[in-house]
Every structure is written in structure tokens, then in C-alpha cells.
Amino acid sequence: MSLRTRLVLAFFALSVVPMAAVTFYSYTTNVEALRVAAQREADLLAGELGQRMRGCR
């Protein structure tokens, strides 16, 4: 394997792979946080709608 090939592989392993891992981790945590926030908002709105429906009777 030539020096150029080894340098390209080393650069890829030391820069691209860790950045991809950080990006993937950040994406998955943001998706989970968004899901939790949407669930809380849905529960809040459902409770509010339930209170309004009880008030109309």
C-alpha cells in the first residue's frame, strides 16, 4: 500500500469517522427530544380539550 493511500485512510479514520459518529449521536438525541416534546404537548392539549368538553355539558 502506498504512502498516499495510507495517508488518505488515516485522514478518513481520524476525521470523518468521529464526525459521523458525533452527527449520528446528535441526530438520535434530537429526534428523541422532539418526540418527548410532541408527546407532552399532545397530552397537554388533550387535557385542555377534555376540560372544555366537560364545561360544555
PDB file of N, CA and C in Angstrom:
ATOM      1  N   MET A   1       0.847  -1.165   0.000  1.00  0.00           N
ATOM      2  CA  MET A   1       0.000   0.000   0.000  1.00  0.00           C
ATOM      3  C   MET A   1       0.896   1.233   0.000  1.00  0.00           C
ATOM      4  N   SER A   2       0.556   2.176  -0.863  1.00  0.00           N
ATOM      5  CA  SER A   2       1.406   3.359  -0.997  1.00  0.00           C
ATOM      6  C   SER A   2       1.196   4.317   0.185  1.00  0.00           C
ATOM      7  N   LEU A   3       2.117   5.222   0.329  1.00  0.00           N
ATOM      8  CA  LEU A   3       2.038   6.212   1.398  1.00  0.00           C
ATOM      9  C   LEU A   3       0.798   7.085   1.233  1.00  0.00           C
ATOM     10  N   ARG A   4       0.504   7.449   0.003  1.00  0.00           N
ATOM     11  CA  ARG A   4      -0.672   8.274  -0.257  1.00  0.00           C
ATOM     12  C   ARG A   4      -1.954   7.576   0.207  1.00  0.00           C
ATOM     13  N   THR A   5      -2.076   6.304  -0.096  1.00  0.00           N
ATOM     14  CA  THR A   5      -3.255   5.540   0.305  1.00  0.00           C
ATOM     15  C   THR A   5      -3.353   5.452   1.817  1.00  0.00           C
ATOM     16  N   ARG A   6      -2.238   5.208   2.471  1.00  0.00           N
ATOM     17  CA  ARG A   6      -2.236   5.134   3.930  1.00  0.00           C
ATOM     18  C   ARG A   6      -2.606   6.471   4.561  1.00  0.00           C
ATOM     19  N   LEU A   7      -2.127   7.571   3.976  1.00  0.00           N
ATOM     20  CA  LEU A   7      -2.474   8.893   4.493  1.00  0.00           C
ATOM     21  C   LEU A   7      -3.955   9.193   4.304  1.00  0.00           C
ATOM     22  N   VAL A   8      -4.497   8.813   3.165  1.00  0.00           N
ATOM     23  CA  VAL A   8      -5.924   9.024   2.924  1.00  0.00           C
ATOM     24  C   VAL A   8      -6.744   8.217   3.918  1.00  0.00           C
ATOM     25  N   LEU A   9      -6.390   6.974   4.136  1.00  0.00           N
ATOM     26  CA  LEU A   9      -7.108   6.140   5.091  1.00  0.00           C
ATOM     27  C   LEU A   9      -6.978   6.673   6.516  1.00  0.00           C
ATOM     28  N   ALA A  10      -5.797   7.153   6.871  1.00  0.00           N
ATOM     29  CA  ALA A  10      -5.593   7.710   8.204  1.00  0.00           C
ATOM     30  C   ALA A  10      -6.430   8.971   8.389  1.00  0.00           C
ATOM     31  N   PHE A  11      -6.438   9.834   7.390  1.00  0.00           N
ATOM     32  CA  PHE A  11      -7.250  11.042   7.463  1.00  0.00           C
ATOM     33  C   PHE A  11      -8.719  10.676   7.616  1.00  0.00           C
ATOM     34  N   PHE A  12      -9.176   9.730   6.827  1.00  0.00           N
ATOM     35  CA  PHE A  12     -10.572   9.302   6.894  1.00  0.00           C
ATOM     36  C   PHE A  12     -10.903   8.758   8.280  1.00  0.00           C
ATOM     37  N   ALA A  13     -10.039   7.910   8.807  1.00  0.00           N
ATOM     38  CA  ALA A  13     -10.292   7.285  10.106  1.00  0.00           C
ATOM     39  C   ALA A  13     -10.234   8.293  11.251  1.00  0.00           C
ATOM     40  N   LEU A  14      -9.373   9.292  11.147  1.00  0.00           N
ATOM     41  CA  LEU A  14      -9.196  10.239  12.246  1.00  0.00           C
ATOM     42  C   LEU A  14     -10.124  11.450  12.188  1.00  0.00           C
ATOM     43  N   SER A  15     -10.743  11.702  11.053  1.00  0.00           N
ATOM     44  CA  SER A  15     -11.586  12.893  10.975  1.00  0.00           C
ATOM     45  C   SER A  15     -13.018  12.588  10.567  1.00  0.00           C
ATOM     46  N   VAL A  16     -13.212  11.832   9.534  1.00  0.00           N
ATOM     47  CA  VAL A  16     -14.554  11.604   9.009  1.00  0.00           C
ATOM     48  C   VAL A  16     -15.346  10.665   9.907  1.00  0.00           C
ATOM     49  N   VAL A  17     -14.739   9.589  10.354  1.00  0.00           N
ATOM     50  CA  VAL A  17     -15.456   8.605  11.177  1.00  0.00           C
ATOM     51  C   VAL A  17     -15.921   9.213  12.503  1.00  0.00           C
ATOM     52  N   PRO A  18     -15.070   9.912  13.266  1.00  0.00           N
ATOM     53  CA  PRO A  18     -15.566  10.515  14.512  1.00  0.00           C
ATOM     54  C   PRO A  18     -16.653  11.571  14.270  1.00  0.00           C
ATOM     55  N   MET A  19     -16.507  12.357  13.214  1.00  0.00           N
ATOM     56  CA  MET A  19     -17.518  13.373  12.916  1.00  0.00           C
ATOM     57  C   MET A  19     -18.849  12.716  12.559  1.00  0.00           C
ATOM     58  N   ALA A  20     -18.806  11.628  11.844  1.00  0.00           N
ATOM     59  CA  ALA A  20     -20.037  10.896  11.514  1.00  0.00           C
ATOM     60  C   ALA A  20     -20.670  10.333  12.786  1.00  0.00           C
ATOM     61  N   ALA A  21     -19.875   9.849  13.700  1.00  0.00           N
ATOM     62  CA  ALA A  21     -20.407   9.317  14.958  1.00  0.00           C
ATOM     63  C   ALA A  21     -21.055  10.422  15.786  1.00  0.00           C
ATOM     64  N   VAL A  22     -20.427  11.579  15.870  1.00  0.00           N
ATOM     65  CA  VAL A  22     -20.988  12.700  16.617  1.00  0.00           C
ATOM     66  C   VAL A  22     -22.289  13.171  15.969  1.00  0.00           C
ATOM     67  N   THR A  23     -22.305  13.242  14.655  1.00  0.00           N
ATOM     68  CA  THR A  23     -23.509  13.661  13.939  1.00  0.00           C
ATOM     69  C   THR A  23     -24.650  12.684  14.174  1.00  0.00           C
ATOM     70  N   PHE A  24     -24.361  11.395  14.104  1.00  0.00           N
ATOM     71  CA  PHE A  24     -25.390  10.384  14.324  1.00  0.00           C
ATOM     72  C   PHE A  24     -25.924  10.454  15.755  1.00  0.00           C
ATOM     73  N   TYR A  25     -25.031  10.598  16.721  1.00  0.00           N
ATOM     74  CA  TYR A  25     -25.450  10.704  18.123  1.00  0.00           C
ATOM     75  C   TYR A  25     -26.326  11.942  18.335  1.00  0.00           C
ATOM     76  N   SER A  26     -25.904  13.066  17.784  1.00  0.00           N
ATOM     77  CA  SER A  26     -26.667  14.303  17.914  1.00  0.00           C
ATOM     78  C   SER A  26     -28.042  14.166  17.270  1.00  0.00           C
ATOM     79  N   TYR A  27     -28.096  13.561  16.108  1.00  0.00           N
ATOM     80  CA  TYR A  27     -29.375  13.366  15.417  1.00  0.00           C
ATOM     81  C   TYR A  27     -30.321  12.499  16.236  1.00  0.00           C
ATOM     82  N   THR A  28     -29.822  11.390  16.766  1.00  0.00           N
ATOM     83  CA  THR A  28     -30.699  10.489  17.519  1.00  0.00           C
ATOM     84  C   THR A  28     -31.194  11.133  18.807  1.00  0.00           C
ATOM     85  N   THR A  29     -30.358  11.895  19.493  1.00  0.00           N
ATOM     86  CA  THR A  29     -30.810  12.545  20.717  1.00  0.00           C
ATOM     87  C   THR A  29     -31.811  13.654  20.408  1.00  0.00           C
ATOM     88  N   ASN A  30     -31.617  14.370  19.307  1.00  0.00           N
ATOM     89  CA  ASN A  30     -32.574  15.407  18.931  1.00  0.00           C
ATOM     90  C   ASN A  30     -33.915  14.812  18.531  1.00  0.00           C
ATOM     91  N   VAL A  31     -33.896  13.690  17.846  1.00  0.00           N
ATOM     92  CA  VAL A  31     -35.153  13.026  17.469  1.00  0.00           C
ATOM     93  C   VAL A  31     -35.904  12.598  18.723  1.00  0.00           C
ATOM     94  N   GLU A  32     -35.200  12.035  19.676  1.00  0.00           N
ATOM     95  CA  GLU A  32     -35.839  11.598  20.922  1.00  0.00           C
ATOM     96  C   GLU A  32     -36.405  12.793  21.693  1.00  0.00           C
ATOM     97  N   ALA A  33     -35.664  13.892  21.770  1.00  0.00           N
ATOM     98  CA  ALA A  33     -36.140  15.080  22.477  1.00  0.00           C
ATOM     99  C   ALA A  33     -37.376  15.658  21.792  1.00  0.00           C
ATOM    100  N   LEU A  34     -37.384  15.665  20.490  1.00  0.00           N
ATOM    101  CA  LEU A  34     -38.543  16.165  19.753  1.00  0.00           C
ATOM    102  C   LEU A  34     -39.756  15.273  19.974  1.00  0.00           C
ATOM    103  N   ARG A  35     -39.546  13.971  20.015  1.00  0.00           N
ATOM    104  CA  ARG A  35     -40.648  13.034  20.255  1.00  0.00           C
ATOM    105  C   ARG A  35     -41.250  13.260  21.648  1.00  0.00           C
ATOM    106  N   VAL A  36     -40.400  13.427  22.633  1.00  0.00           N
ATOM    107  CA  VAL A  36     -40.871  13.650  24.006  1.00  0.00           C
ATOM    108  C   VAL A  36     -41.637  14.975  24.094  1.00  0.00           C
ATOM    109  N   ALA A  37     -41.121  16.016  23.460  1.00  0.00           N
ATOM    110  CA  ALA A  37     -41.794  17.315  23.489  1.00  0.00           C
ATOM    111  C   ALA A  37     -43.156  17.237  22.795  1.00  0.00           C
ATOM    112  N   ALA A  38     -43.225  16.543  21.686  1.00  0.00           N
ATOM    113  CA  ALA A  38     -44.500  16.400  20.980  1.00  0.00           C
ATOM    114  C   ALA A  38     -45.497  15.607  21.815  1.00  0.00           C
ATOM    115  N   GLN A  39     -45.038  14.588  22.510  1.00  0.00           N
ATOM    116  CA  GLN A  39     -45.931  13.799  23.363  1.00  0.00           C
ATOM    117  C   GLN A  39     -46.466  14.638  24.516  1.00  0.00           C
ATOM    118  N   ARG A  40     -45.603  15.431  25.143  1.00  0.00           N
ATOM    119  CA  ARG A  40     -46.046  16.304  26.230  1.00  0.00           C
ATOM    120  C   ARG A  40     -47.080  17.314  25.731  1.00  0.00           C
ATOM    121  N   GLU A  41     -46.810  17.902  24.586  1.00  0.00           N
ATOM    122  CA  GLU A  41     -47.729  18.879  24.026  1.00  0.00           C
ATOM    123  C   GLU A  41     -49.073  18.233  23.696  1.00  0.00           C
ATOM    124  N   ALA A  42     -49.047  17.042  23.135  1.00  0.00           N
ATOM    125  CA  ALA A  42     -50.290  16.335  22.813  1.00  0.00           C
ATOM    126  C   ALA A  42     -51.076  16.020  24.084  1.00  0.00           C
ATOM    127  N   ASP A  43     -50.394  15.582  25.135  1.00  0.00           N
ATOM    128  CA  ASP A  43     -51.071  15.299  26.404  1.00  0.00           C
ATOM    129  C   ASP A  43     -51.682  16.566  26.988  1.00  0.00           C
ATOM    130  N   LEU A  44     -50.955  17.667  26.926  1.00  0.00           N
ATOM    131  CA  LEU A  44     -51.453  18.935  27.443  1.00  0.00           C
ATOM    132  C   LEU A  44     -52.698  19.376  26.675  1.00  0.00           C
ATOM    133  N   LEU A  45     -52.641  19.312  25.361  1.00  0.00           N
ATOM    134  CA  LEU A  45     -53.778  19.729  24.555  1.00  0.00           C
ATOM    135  C   LEU A  45     -54.970  18.797  24.737  1.00  0.00           C
ATOM    136  N   ALA A  46     -54.735  17.518  24.903  1.00  0.00           N
ATOM    137  CA  ALA A  46     -55.829  16.575  25.141  1.00  0.00           C
ATOM    138  C   ALA A  46     -56.506  16.867  26.473  1.00  0.00           C
ATOM    139  N   GLY A  47     -55.733  17.164  27.501  1.00  0.00           N
ATOM    140  CA  GLY A  47     -56.305  17.521  28.796  1.00  0.00           C
ATOM    141  C   GLY A  47     -57.110  18.799  28.724  1.00  0.00           C
ATOM    142  N   GLU A  48     -56.583  19.773  28.004  1.00  0.00           N
ATOM    143  CA  GLU A  48     -57.283  21.042  27.844  1.00  0.00           C
ATOM    144  C   GLU A  48     -58.601  20.845  27.086  1.00  0.00           C
ATOM    145  N   LEU A  49     -58.574  20.046  26.057  1.00  0.00           N
ATOM    146  CA  LEU A  49     -59.788  19.764  25.295  1.00  0.00           C
ATOM    147  C   LEU A  49     -60.795  19.006  26.154  1.00  0.00           C
ATOM    148  N   GLY A  50     -60.328  18.075  26.969  1.00  0.00           N
ATOM    149  CA  GLY A  50     -61.213  17.350  27.871  1.00  0.00           C
ATOM    150  C   GLY A  50     -61.900  18.275  28.857  1.00  0.00           C
ATOM    151  N   GLN A  51     -61.154  19.252  29.384  1.00  0.00           N
ATOM    152  CA  GLN A  51     -61.749  20.216  30.317  1.00  0.00           C
ATOM    153  C   GLN A  51     -62.806  21.067  29.615  1.00  0.00           C
ATOM    154  N   ARG A  52     -62.541  21.455  28.397  1.00  0.00           N
ATOM    155  CA  ARG A  52     -63.510  22.263  27.652  1.00  0.00           C
ATOM    156  C   ARG A  52     -64.778  21.443  27.366  1.00  0.00           C
ATOM    157  N   MET A  53     -64.594  20.180  27.046  1.00  0.00           N
ATOM    158  CA  MET A  53     -65.762  19.330  26.750  1.00  0.00           C
ATOM    159  C   MET A  53     -66.605  19.116  28.007  1.00  0.00           C
ATOM    160  N   ARG A  54     -65.981  18.976  29.182  1.00  0.00           N
ATOM    161  CA  ARG A  54     -66.724  18.818  30.427  1.00  0.00           C
ATOM    162  C   ARG A  54     -67.474  20.096  30.777  1.00  0.00           C
ATOM    163  N   GLY A  55     -66.925  21.231  30.415  1.00  0.00           N
ATOM    164  CA  GLY A  55     -67.553  22.514  30.697  1.00  0.00           C
ATOM    165  C   GLY A  55     -68.764  22.790  29.825  1.00  0.00           C
ATOM    166  N   CYS A  56     -68.850  22.149  28.666  1.00  0.00           N
ATOM    167  CA  CYS A  56     -69.953  22.383  27.747  1.00  0.00           C
ATOM    168  C   CYS A  56     -71.207  21.621  28.130  1.00  0.00           C
ATOM    169  N   ARG A  57     -71.099  20.628  28.960  1.00  0.00           N
ATOM    170  CA  ARG A  57     -72.270  19.780  29.259  1.00  0.00           C
ATOM    171  C   ARG A  57     -73.222  20.454  30.177  1.00  0.00           C
TER     172      ARG A  57
END
